[in-house]
C-alpha atoms as a PDB file:
ATOM      1  CA  MET A   1     123.513  57.284 115.552  1.00  0.00           C
ATOM      2  CA  THR A   2     121.578  59.093 118.295  1.00  0.00           C
ATOM      3  CA  LYS A   3     121.976  62.751 119.130  1.00  0.00           C
ATOM      4  CA  ARG A   4     121.444  64.250 122.557  1.00  0.00           C
ATOM      5  CA  PHE A   5     121.024  67.976 123.126  1.00  0.00           C
ATOM      6  CA  SER A   6     121.170  69.216 126.695  1.00  0.00           C
ATOM      7  CA  SER A   7     120.656  72.836 125.638  1.00  0.00           C
ATOM      8  CA  PRO A   8     118.282  73.013 122.658  1.00  0.00           C
ATOM      9  CA  ARG A   9     117.762  76.759 123.027  1.00  0.00           C
ATOM     10  CA  LEU A  10     121.494  77.355 122.679  1.00  0.00           C
ATOM     11  CA  VAL A  11     121.942  74.974 119.782  1.00  0.00           C
ATOM     12  CA  VAL A  12     118.869  75.816 117.774  1.00  0.00           C
ATOM     13  CA  SER A  13     118.418  79.530 118.300  1.00  0.00           C
ATOM     14  CA  ALA A  14     122.091  80.512 118.190  1.00  0.00           C
ATOM     15  CA  LYS A  15     123.334  78.236 115.443  1.00  0.00           C
ATOM     16  CA  LEU A  16     120.510  76.983 113.263  1.00  0.00           C
ATOM     17  CA  THR A  17     120.495  79.921 110.869  1.00  0.00           C
ATOM     18  CA  THR A  18     124.272  80.237 111.151  1.00  0.00           C
ATOM     19  CA  PHE A  19     124.703  76.781 109.669  1.00  0.00           C
ATOM     20  CA  ALA A  20     122.319  77.556 106.854  1.00  0.00           C
ATOM     21  CA  GLN A  21     124.531  80.464 105.866  1.00  0.00           C
ATOM     22  CA  THR A  22     127.851  78.877 106.715  1.00  0.00           C
ATOM     23  CA  ALA A  23     127.242  75.589 105.017  1.00  0.00           C
ATOM     24  CA  PHE A  24     126.359  77.082 101.651  1.00  0.00           C
ATOM     25  CA  ALA A  25     127.005  80.811 101.421  1.00  0.00           C
ATOM     26  CA  GLY A  26     129.295  82.203 104.044  1.00  0.00           C
ATOM     27  CA  ALA A  27     131.714  79.476 104.861  1.00  0.00           C
ATOM     28  CA  ILE A  28     131.724  76.689 102.159  1.00  0.00           C
ATOM     29  CA  ALA A  29     134.078  76.955  99.204  1.00  0.00           C
ATOM     30  CA  LEU A  30     135.548  74.849  96.403  1.00  0.00           C
ATOM     31  CA  ASN A  31     139.288  74.322  96.020  1.00  0.00           C
ATOM     32  CA  VAL A  32     139.800  72.172  92.947  1.00  0.00           C
ATOM     33  CA  TRP A  33     139.227  72.634  89.263  1.00  0.00           C
ATOM     34  CA  VAL A  34     136.874  69.801  88.430  1.00  0.00           C
ATOM     35  CA  ASN A  35     138.021  67.360  85.783  1.00  0.00           C
ATOM     36  CA  PRO A  36     135.855  67.902  82.662  1.00  0.00           C
ATOM     37  CA  SER A  37     134.802  64.267  82.745  1.00  0.00           C
ATOM     38  CA  LEU A  38     133.295  64.894  86.167  1.00  0.00           C
ATOM     39  CA  ALA A  39     131.535  68.154  85.297  1.00  0.00           C
ATOM     40  CA  GLY A  40     128.519  68.763  87.465  1.00  0.00           C
ATOM     41  CA  ASP A  41     129.872  67.251  90.683  1.00  0.00           C
ATOM     42  CA  PRO A  42     132.182  69.523  92.713  1.00  0.00           C
ATOM     43  CA  PHE A  43     132.502  67.038  95.580  1.00  0.00           C
ATOM     44  CA  ARG A  44     133.679  63.712  94.136  1.00  0.00           C
ATOM     45  CA  ASN A  45     136.796  62.780  92.201  1.00  0.00           C
ATOM     46  CA  ARG A  46     135.356  59.397  91.322  1.00  0.00           C
ATOM     47  CA  GLU A  47     131.882  57.908  90.969  1.00  0.00           C
ATOM     48  CA  PRO A  48     130.339  61.367  90.436  1.00  0.00           C
ATOM     49  CA  HIS A  49     126.672  62.099  90.947  1.00  0.00           C
ATOM     50  CA  GLN A  50     124.752  64.150  88.407  1.00  0.00           C
ATOM     51  CA  ILE A  51     124.360  67.575  89.996  1.00  0.00           C
ATOM     52  CA  GLY A  52     124.285  69.901  86.989  1.00  0.00           C
ATOM     53  CA  ASP A  53     126.749  72.189  85.262  1.00  0.00           C
ATOM     54  CA  GLN A  54     124.942  75.440  86.103  1.00  0.00           C
ATOM     55  CA  THR A  55     124.594  74.521  89.769  1.00  0.00           C
ATOM     56  CA  GLU A  56     128.258  73.590  89.884  1.00  0.00           C
ATOM     57  CA  ALA A  57     129.204  76.876  88.212  1.00  0.00           C
ATOM     58  CA  ALA A  58     127.187  78.845  90.781  1.00  0.00           C
ATOM     59  CA  PHE A  59     128.781  76.860  93.589  1.00  0.00           C
ATOM     60  CA  LYS A  60     132.257  77.648  92.287  1.00  0.00           C
ATOM     61  CA  ALA A  61     131.461  81.309  91.621  1.00  0.00           C
ATOM     62  CA  ILE A  62     130.485  81.854  95.240  1.00  0.00           C
ATOM     63  CA  PHE A  63     132.804  79.569  97.071  1.00  0.00           C
ATOM     64  CA  GLN A  64     135.904  79.403  94.932  1.00  0.00           C
ATOM     65  CA  GLN A  65     135.854  82.960  93.621  1.00  0.00           C
ATOM     66  CA  GLY A  66     133.645  84.833  96.098  1.00  0.00           C
ATOM     67  CA  ASN A  67     131.769  86.295  93.129  1.00  0.00           C
ATOM     68  CA  TYR A  68     128.122  86.638  94.107  1.00  0.00           C
ATOM     69  CA  PRO A  69     126.802  88.496  91.011  1.00  0.00           C
ATOM     70  CA  ALA A  70     128.178  85.745  88.779  1.00  0.00           C
ATOM     71  CA  ALA A  71     126.648  83.135  91.054  1.00  0.00           C
ATOM     72  CA  ASP A  72     123.242  84.805  90.773  1.00  0.00           C
ATOM     73  CA  ARG A  73     123.417  84.520  86.999  1.00  0.00           C
ATOM     74  CA  TYR A  74     124.360  80.853  87.133  1.00  0.00           C
ATOM     75  CA  LEU A  75     121.641  80.132  89.684  1.00  0.00           C
ATOM     76  CA  GLU A  76     118.953  81.614  87.447  1.00  0.00           C
ATOM     77  CA  GLN A  77     120.129  79.257  84.708  1.00  0.00           C
ATOM     78  CA  ALA A  78     120.237  76.359  87.171  1.00  0.00           C
ATOM     79  CA  LEU A  79     116.655  76.890  88.319  1.00  0.00           C
ATOM     80  CA  SER A  80     115.567  76.847  84.673  1.00  0.00           C
ATOM     81  CA  LYS A  81     117.722  74.028  83.320  1.00  0.00           C
ATOM     82  CA  GLU A  82     118.254  71.927  86.464  1.00  0.00           C
ATOM     83  CA  PRO A  83     114.976  72.347  88.393  1.00  0.00           C
ATOM     84  CA  ASN A  84     115.334  69.046  90.236  1.00  0.00           C
ATOM     85  CA  GLU A  85     118.712  69.847  91.838  1.00  0.00           C
ATOM     86  CA  PRO A  86     118.258  70.612  95.576  1.00  0.00           C
ATOM     87  CA  LEU A  87     121.735  72.124  95.981  1.00  0.00           C
ATOM     88  CA  ALA A  88     120.709  75.064  93.762  1.00  0.00           C
ATOM     89  CA  TYR A  89     117.721  75.821  96.005  1.00  0.00           C
ATOM     90  CA  ALA A  90     119.823  75.412  99.141  1.00  0.00           C
ATOM     91  CA  ILE A  91     122.285  78.005  97.844  1.00  0.00           C
ATOM     92  CA  LYS A  92     119.411  80.336  96.944  1.00  0.00           C
ATOM     93  CA  ALA A  93     117.992  79.924 100.438  1.00  0.00           C
ATOM     94  CA  SER A  94     121.296  80.752 102.090  1.00  0.00           C
ATOM     95  CA  LEU A  95     121.743  83.816  99.890  1.00  0.00           C
ATOM     96  CA  ALA A  96     118.252  84.947 100.862  1.00  0.00           C
ATOM     97  CA  TYR A  97     119.227  84.572 104.509  1.00  0.00           C
ATOM     98  CA  GLY A  98     122.337  86.656 103.960  1.00  0.00           C
ATOM     99  CA  ASN A  99     120.202  89.337 102.284  1.00  0.00           C
ATOM    100  CA  LYS A 100     117.587  89.186 105.063  1.00  0.00           C
ATOM    101  CA  ASP A 101     114.959  88.303 102.462  1.00  0.00           C
ATOM    102  CA  TRP A 102     112.773  86.142 104.673  1.00  0.00           C
ATOM    103  CA  ALA A 103     110.120  85.464 102.025  1.00  0.00           C
ATOM    104  CA  LYS A 104     112.704  83.997  99.635  1.00  0.00           C
ATOM    105  CA  LEU A 105     114.341  82.103 102.495  1.00  0.00           C
ATOM    106  CA  ASP A 106     110.975  80.450 103.149  1.00  0.00           C
ATOM    107  CA  THR A 107     110.378  79.716  99.453  1.00  0.00           C
ATOM    108  CA  TYR A 108     113.778  78.206  98.722  1.00  0.00           C
ATOM    109  CA  SER A 109     113.914  76.262 101.975  1.00  0.00           C
ATOM    110  CA  GLN A 110     110.664  74.564 100.962  1.00  0.00           C
ATOM    111  CA  LYS A 111     112.033  73.913  97.477  1.00  0.00           C
ATOM    112  CA  THR A 112     115.201  72.367  98.942  1.00  0.00           C
ATOM    113  CA  LEU A 113     113.085  70.012 101.030  1.00  0.00           C
ATOM    114  CA  GLU A 114     110.723  69.146  98.178  1.00  0.00           C
ATOM    115  CA  THR A 115     113.446  68.430  95.622  1.00  0.00           C
ATOM    116  CA  GLY A 116     115.460  66.504  98.202  1.00  0.00           C
ATOM    117  CA  GLN A 117     112.477  64.261  98.908  1.00  0.00           C
ATOM    118  CA  LYS A 118     111.842  63.721  95.184  1.00  0.00           C
ATOM    119  CA  LEU A 119     115.498  62.841  94.599  1.00  0.00           C
ATOM    120  CA  ILE A 120     115.434  59.962  97.088  1.00  0.00           C
ATOM    121  CA  SER A 121     114.021  57.516  94.537  1.00  0.00           C
ATOM    122  CA  ASN A 122     116.773  58.204  91.957  1.00  0.00           C
ATOM    123  CA  ASP A 123     119.700  59.120  94.209  1.00  0.00           C
ATOM    124  CA  PRO A 124     118.970  57.943  97.759  1.00  0.00           C
ATOM    125  CA  LEU A 125     122.233  59.279  99.179  1.00  0.00           C
ATOM    126  CA  ARG A 126     121.840  62.865  97.991  1.00  0.00           C
ATOM    127  CA  GLY A 127     118.060  62.749  98.320  1.00  0.00           C
ATOM    128  CA  ASN A 128     118.259  61.935 102.016  1.00  0.00           C
ATOM    129  CA  LEU A 129     121.113  64.400 102.488  1.00  0.00           C
ATOM    130  CA  TYR A 130     119.193  67.330 101.029  1.00  0.00           C
ATOM    131  CA  THR A 131     115.978  66.335 102.741  1.00  0.00           C
ATOM    132  CA  ALA A 132     118.024  66.809 105.924  1.00  0.00           C
ATOM    133  CA  VAL A 133     119.314  70.156 104.661  1.00  0.00           C
ATOM    134  CA  GLY A 134     115.781  71.203 103.752  1.00  0.00           C
ATOM    135  CA  HIS A 135     114.558  70.469 107.268  1.00  0.00           C
ATOM    136  CA  PHE A 136     117.497  72.439 108.648  1.00  0.00           C
ATOM    137  CA  LEU A 137     116.708  75.431 106.470  1.00  0.00           C
ATOM    138  CA  GLU A 138     113.040  75.272 107.418  1.00  0.00           C
ATOM    139  CA  GLY A 139     114.126  75.301 111.045  1.00  0.00           C
ATOM    140  CA  ALA A 140     115.991  78.507 110.250  1.00  0.00           C
ATOM    141  CA  VAL A 141     112.782  79.927 108.804  1.00  0.00           C
ATOM    142  CA  VAL A 142     110.898  79.065 111.988  1.00  0.00           C
ATOM    143  CA  ILE A 143     113.460  80.786 114.206  1.00  0.00           C
ATOM    144  CA  THR A 144     113.482  83.841 111.935  1.00  0.00           C
ATOM    145  CA  ARG A 145     109.699  84.073 111.794  1.00  0.00           C
ATOM    146  CA  GLU A 146     108.727  83.054 115.337  1.00  0.00           C
ATOM    147  CA  GLY A 147     111.726  84.209 117.324  1.00  0.00           C
ATOM    148  CA  THR A 148     113.690  82.228 119.896  1.00  0.00           C
ATOM    149  CA  VAL A 149     111.008  81.665 122.536  1.00  0.00           C
ATOM    150  CA  ASN A 150     108.208  80.544 120.241  1.00  0.00           C
ATOM    151  CA  GLY A 151     110.341  78.989 117.540  1.00  0.00           C
ATOM    152  CA  VAL A 152     112.606  76.679 119.535  1.00  0.00           C
ATOM    153  CA  PRO A 153     110.159  73.751 119.987  1.00  0.00           C
ATOM    154  CA  GLN A 154     109.368  73.635 116.248  1.00  0.00           C
ATOM    155  CA  ALA A 155     112.999  74.093 115.288  1.00  0.00           C
ATOM    156  CA  LEU A 156     114.092  71.324 117.639  1.00  0.00           C
ATOM    157  CA  SER A 157     111.605  69.001 115.964  1.00  0.00           C
ATOM    158  CA  ARG A 158     113.162  69.916 112.624  1.00  0.00           C
ATOM    159  CA  LEU A 159     116.623  69.250 114.014  1.00  0.00           C
ATOM    160  CA  ARG A 160     115.606  65.714 114.951  1.00  0.00           C
ATOM    161  CA  GLN A 161     114.437  65.177 111.382  1.00  0.00           C
ATOM    162  CA  VAL A 162     117.745  66.548 110.115  1.00  0.00           C
ATOM    163  CA  TYR A 163     119.646  63.799 111.903  1.00  0.00           C
ATOM    164  CA  GLU A 164     117.093  61.161 110.962  1.00  0.00           C
ATOM    165  CA  TYR A 165     117.756  61.787 107.264  1.00  0.00           C
ATOM    166  CA  LEU A 166     121.495  62.250 107.741  1.00  0.00           C
ATOM    167  CA  ASP A 167     121.548  58.808 109.354  1.00  0.00           C
ATOM    168  CA  LYS A 168     119.764  57.365 106.321  1.00  0.00           C
ATOM    169  CA  ALA A 169     122.310  58.953 103.988  1.00  0.00           C
ATOM    170  CA  GLU A 170     125.182  57.705 106.140  1.00  0.00           C
ATOM    171  CA  ALA A 171     123.806  54.162 106.029  1.00  0.00           C
ATOM    172  CA  ILE A 172     124.087  54.300 102.223  1.00  0.00           C
ATOM    173  CA  SER A 173     127.655  55.651 102.030  1.00  0.00           C
ATOM    174  CA  ALA A 174     129.323  56.601 105.297  1.00  0.00           C
ATOM    175  CA  ASN A 175     132.469  57.913 103.573  1.00  0.00           C
ATOM    176  CA  ASP A 176     130.762  60.068 100.945  1.00  0.00           C
ATOM    177  CA  PRO A 177     132.572  63.432 100.684  1.00  0.00           C
ATOM    178  CA  GLU A 178     129.472  65.619 100.207  1.00  0.00           C
ATOM    179  CA  LEU A 179     127.723  63.993 103.155  1.00  0.00           C
ATOM    180  CA  ASN A 180     130.782  64.315 105.376  1.00  0.00           C
ATOM    181  CA  LEU A 181     131.323  67.916 104.369  1.00  0.00           C
ATOM    182  CA  ILE A 182     127.813  68.998 105.365  1.00  0.00           C
ATOM    183  CA  LYS A 183     127.607  66.803 108.432  1.00  0.00           C
ATOM    184  CA  GLY A 184     131.115  67.841 109.473  1.00  0.00           C
ATOM    185  CA  TYR A 185     130.105  71.506 109.395  1.00  0.00           C
ATOM    186  CA  MET A 186     127.008  70.732 111.450  1.00  0.00           C
ATOM    187  CA  ASP A 187     129.008  68.798 114.016  1.00  0.00           C
ATOM    188  CA  LEU A 188     131.588  71.570 114.292  1.00  0.00           C
ATOM    189  CA  LEU A 189     128.911  74.165 114.956  1.00  0.00           C
ATOM    190  CA  LEU A 190     127.544  72.019 117.758  1.00  0.00           C
ATOM    191  CA  ALA A 191     130.989  71.214 119.116  1.00  0.00           C
ATOM    192  CA  VAL A 192     132.087  74.827 119.533  1.00  0.00           C
ATOM    193  CA  ASN A 193     128.910  75.604 121.480  1.00  0.00           C
ATOM    194  CA  LEU A 194     128.348  72.526 123.629  1.00  0.00           C
ATOM    195  CA  PRO A 195     130.822  71.612 126.362  1.00  0.00           C
ATOM    196  CA  PHE A 196     130.339  67.855 126.000  1.00  0.00           C
ATOM    197  CA  ALA A 197     130.738  67.729 122.212  1.00  0.00           C
ATOM    198  CA  SER A 198     134.131  67.008 120.671  1.00  0.00           C
ATOM    199  CA  PRO A 199     135.384  69.411 117.971  1.00  0.00           C
ATOM    200  CA  ASP A 200     138.335  67.106 117.358  1.00  0.00           C
ATOM    201  CA  GLN A 201     135.991  64.320 116.264  1.00  0.00           C
ATOM    202  CA  ALA A 202     134.197  66.669 113.866  1.00  0.00           C
ATOM    203  CA  ILE A 203     137.520  67.895 112.494  1.00  0.00           C
ATOM    204  CA  ARG A 204     138.622  64.296 111.886  1.00  0.00           C
ATOM    205  CA  ARG A 205     135.424  63.671 109.934  1.00  0.00           C
ATOM    206  CA  LEU A 206     136.202  66.607 107.677  1.00  0.00           C
ATOM    207  CA  GLU A 207     139.870  65.761 107.220  1.00  0.00           C
ATOM    208  CA  GLN A 208     139.361  62.068 106.548  1.00  0.00           C
ATOM    209  CA  ASN A 209     136.270  61.918 104.358  1.00  0.00           C
ATOM    210  CA  ALA A 210     135.029  65.357 103.272  1.00  0.00           C
ATOM    211  CA  SER A 211     135.708  67.136 100.003  1.00  0.00           C
ATOM    212  CA  PRO A 212     136.573  69.485  98.357  1.00  0.00           C
ATOM    213  CA  GLY A 213     139.693  70.213 100.361  1.00  0.00           C
ATOM    214  CA  TYR A 214     139.278  73.972 100.499  1.00  0.00           C
ATOM    215  CA  LEU A 215     135.924  73.550 102.180  1.00  0.00           C
ATOM    216  CA  VAL A 216     137.615  71.305 104.683  1.00  0.00           C
ATOM    217  CA  ASP A 217     140.417  73.802 105.364  1.00  0.00           C
ATOM    218  CA  ARG A 218     138.058  76.735 105.638  1.00  0.00           C
ATOM    219  CA  GLY A 219     135.639  74.917 107.915  1.00  0.00           C
ATOM    220  CA  ILE A 220     138.407  73.831 110.258  1.00  0.00           C
ATOM    221  CA  ALA A 221     139.830  77.366 110.283  1.00  0.00           C
ATOM    222  CA  LEU A 222     136.395  78.681 111.284  1.00  0.00           C
ATOM    223  CA  ALA A 223     136.143  76.092 114.043  1.00  0.00           C
ATOM    224  CA  TYR A 224     139.576  76.883 115.472  1.00  0.00           C
ATOM    225  CA  ARG A 225     138.761  80.603 115.296  1.00  0.00           C
ATOM    226  CA  ASP A 226     135.607  80.072 117.342  1.00  0.00           C
ATOM    227  CA  LEU A 227     137.513  77.849 119.765  1.00  0.00           C
ATOM    228  CA  LYS A 228     140.095  80.666 120.130  1.00  0.00           C
ATOM    229  CA  ARG A 229     142.857  78.341 118.925  1.00  0.00           C
ATOM    230  CA  TYR A 230     144.327  80.982 116.660  1.00  0.00           C
ATOM    231  CA  PRO A 231     147.621  79.371 115.553  1.00  0.00           C
ATOM    232  CA  GLN A 232     145.735  76.332 114.260  1.00  0.00           C
ATOM    233  CA  ALA A 233     143.147  78.601 112.638  1.00  0.00           C
ATOM    234  CA  LEU A 234     145.922  80.461 110.817  1.00  0.00           C
ATOM    235  CA  GLU A 235     147.449  77.206 109.611  1.00  0.00           C
ATOM    236  CA  TYR A 236     144.204  76.127 107.982  1.00  0.00           C
ATOM    237  CA  VAL A 237     143.216  79.504 106.574  1.00  0.00           C
ATOM    238  CA  ASN A 238     146.656  79.741 104.936  1.00  0.00           C
ATOM    239  CA  ARG A 239     146.114  76.325 103.398  1.00  0.00           C
ATOM    240  CA  ALA A 240     142.796  77.574 102.017  1.00  0.00           C
ATOM    241  CA  ILE A 241     144.456  80.677 100.568  1.00  0.00           C
ATOM    242  CA  LYS A 242     146.943  78.519  98.650  1.00  0.00           C
ATOM    243  CA  THR A 243     144.117  76.863  96.726  1.00  0.00           C
ATOM    244  CA  THR A 244     141.571  79.708  96.419  1.00  0.00           C
ATOM    245  CA  SER A 245     143.671  82.849  96.421  1.00  0.00           C
ATOM    246  CA  ASP A 246     141.129  84.803  94.343  1.00  0.00           C
ATOM    247  CA  ASN A 247     138.359  84.570  96.940  1.00  0.00           C
ATOM    248  CA  PRO A 248     138.120  87.791  99.001  1.00  0.00           C
ATOM    249  CA  GLU A 249     136.191  86.057 101.780  1.00  0.00           C
ATOM    250  CA  ILE A 250     139.173  83.908 102.713  1.00  0.00           C
ATOM    251  CA  TYR A 251     141.244  87.054 103.354  1.00  0.00           C
ATOM    252  CA  TYR A 252     138.397  88.370 105.493  1.00  0.00           C
ATOM    253  CA  LEU A 253     138.546  85.188 107.560  1.00  0.00           C
ATOM    254  CA  LYS A 254     142.308  85.478 107.902  1.00  0.00           C
ATOM    255  CA  ALA A 255     141.922  89.118 108.973  1.00  0.00           C
ATOM    256  CA  GLN A 256     139.443  88.104 111.690  1.00  0.00           C
ATOM    257  CA  ILE A 257     141.812  85.455 113.023  1.00  0.00           C
ATOM    258  CA  LEU A 258     144.789  87.824 113.008  1.00  0.00           C
ATOM    259  CA  LYS A 259     142.790  90.578 114.714  1.00  0.00           C
ATOM    260  CA  GLN A 260     141.814  88.268 117.554  1.00  0.00           C
ATOM    261  CA  LEU A 261     145.329  86.850 117.823  1.00  0.00           C
ATOM    262  CA  GLY A 262     146.795  90.364 117.837  1.00  0.00           C
ATOM    263  CA  GLN A 263     144.474  91.385 120.649  1.00  0.00           C
ATOM    264  CA  LYS A 264     145.373  88.293 122.634  1.00  0.00           C
ATOM    265  CA  GLU A 265     149.119  88.782 122.227  1.00  0.00           C
ATOM    266  CA  LYS A 266     148.953  92.593 122.313  1.00  0.00           C
ATOM    267  CA  SER A 267     150.912  92.670 119.060  1.00  0.00           C
ATOM    268  CA  GLN A 268     150.721  95.762 116.865  1.00  0.00           C
ATOM    269  CA  GLN A 269     152.485  93.871 114.072  1.00  0.00           C
ATOM    270  CA  ILE A 270     149.792  91.202 113.968  1.00  0.00           C
ATOM    271  CA  ILE A 271     147.060  93.850 114.077  1.00  0.00           C
ATOM    272  CA  GLN A 272     148.696  95.571 111.103  1.00  0.00           C
ATOM    273  CA  GLU A 273     148.707  92.279 109.219  1.00  0.00           C
ATOM    274  CA  ALA A 274     145.022  91.889 110.019  1.00  0.00           C
ATOM    275  CA  ILE A 275     144.312  95.344 108.556  1.00  0.00           C
ATOM    276  CA  ALA A 276     146.224  94.402 105.406  1.00  0.00           C
ATOM    277  CA  ASN A 277     144.022  91.335 104.985  1.00  0.00           C
ATOM    278  CA  PHE A 278     140.832  93.342 105.529  1.00  0.00           C
ATOM    279  CA  ASP A 279     142.103  95.659 102.802  1.00  0.00           C
ATOM    280  CA  LYS A 280     142.812  92.745 100.494  1.00  0.00           C
ATOM    281  CA  ALA A 281     139.276  91.449 100.962  1.00  0.00           C
ATOM    282  CA  LEU A 282     137.867  94.893 100.179  1.00  0.00           C
ATOM    283  CA  THR A 283     139.720  95.153  96.871  1.00  0.00           C
ATOM    284  CA  LYS A 284     136.955  92.924  95.468  1.00  0.00           C
ATOM    285  CA  LYS A 285     134.045  94.426  97.340  1.00  0.00           C
ATOM    286  CA  SER A 286     132.096  94.905  94.103  1.00  0.00           C
ATOM    287  CA  GLN A 287     131.562  91.143  93.915  1.00  0.00           C
ATOM    288  CA  LEU A 288     130.470  90.729  97.552  1.00  0.00           C
ATOM    289  CA  PRO A 289     127.028  91.342  99.094  1.00  0.00           C
ATOM    290  CA  GLY A 290     126.610  94.886 100.387  1.00  0.00           C
ATOM    291  CA  ASP A 291     125.919  93.860 103.985  1.00  0.00           C
ATOM    292  CA  LEU A 292     129.068  91.732 104.020  1.00  0.00           C
ATOM    293  CA  VAL A 293     131.141  94.638 102.723  1.00  0.00           C
ATOM    294  CA  LYS A 294     129.774  96.860 105.501  1.00  0.00           C
ATOM    295  CA  GLN A 295     130.667  94.206 108.066  1.00  0.00           C
ATOM    296  CA  ILE A 296     134.229  93.918 106.753  1.00  0.00           C
ATOM    297  CA  GLU A 297     134.588  97.689 106.857  1.00  0.00           C
ATOM    298  CA  ARG A 298     133.315  97.825 110.453  1.00  0.00           C
ATOM    299  CA  GLU A 299     135.745  95.150 111.556  1.00  0.00           C
ATOM    300  CA  ARG A 300     138.588  96.907 109.743  1.00  0.00           C
ATOM    301  CA  ARG A 301     137.821 100.147 111.603  1.00  0.00           C
ATOM    302  CA  SER A 302     137.831  98.206 114.854  1.00  0.00           C
ATOM    303  CA  ALA A 303     141.265  96.800 114.004  1.00  0.00           C
ATOM    304  CA  VAL A 304     142.563 100.281 113.181  1.00  0.00           C
ATOM    305  CA  SER A 305     141.305 101.537 116.550  1.00  0.00           C
ATOM    306  CA  LEU A 306     143.326  98.820 118.261  1.00  0.00           C
ATOM    307  CA  LYS A 307     146.434  99.953 116.425  1.00  0.00           C
ATOM    308  CA  ASN A 308     145.778 103.621 117.147  1.00  0.00           C
ATOM    309  CA  PRO A 309     144.001 103.736 120.536  1.00  0.00           C
ATOM    310  CA  GLY A 310     142.491 107.081 121.458  1.00  0.00           C
END
């Protein structure tokens, strides 16, 4: 597989850090209760890989429940008891990005890369996958530290390494659900920002081979939102709500979609529904990061202003 980028500044500077957050902290979520016999692997229903119970618990706390304080507690246990699991460091890195803690973002990006590289000998599929993720996160660090103008050349070099290691993982198991989930999110981010890229192809990758299903539904809803295809976005966000109804972030996503659809159709009824979903997300604001709560509140006020102009 060979990737071509006609606009590296657009791809790298605008979306590199977005993927780091989206793929692990802001947009990935888990939609199934894992069978006890498969504990430690939230991605696979058969032939599980050993990921670690504490890492899995942190993953579920964030992405199934939207409970960040609980996830922090599980992650501290994971770093102690499962120090060789790169997913734990990747989640920590994305949380650091969300908190604008650039020192921790740097630290945990390096740890993701290091543990991914070490894992290659024992688990080549996941080792190559998280080596790719580590390079992606380090590209995010470069953009954050150096800025767009100075950081793009280094970040673009990292992006090439990302796809080099993704190709190695794909050669081992092209249909692996964890691989297809992460690569599907990457491809969608590129597709919604590059005119020659196909979002439909990325969506097919997610639907056909990625898991867990809620992550698939949420990712596709995000893609359709960004593509301004709001009816399809609503279809997928509603599917996600059916399987992870306790997660406040999914109601936030639905509120965003409804707000944009209401503006497009000039519908006060749809705007009111958007406000109701913002409110539902805010009922659990104590378990969300403070900056995210402020963002939800800002967007809610914007929706109210649309309903009550002047």
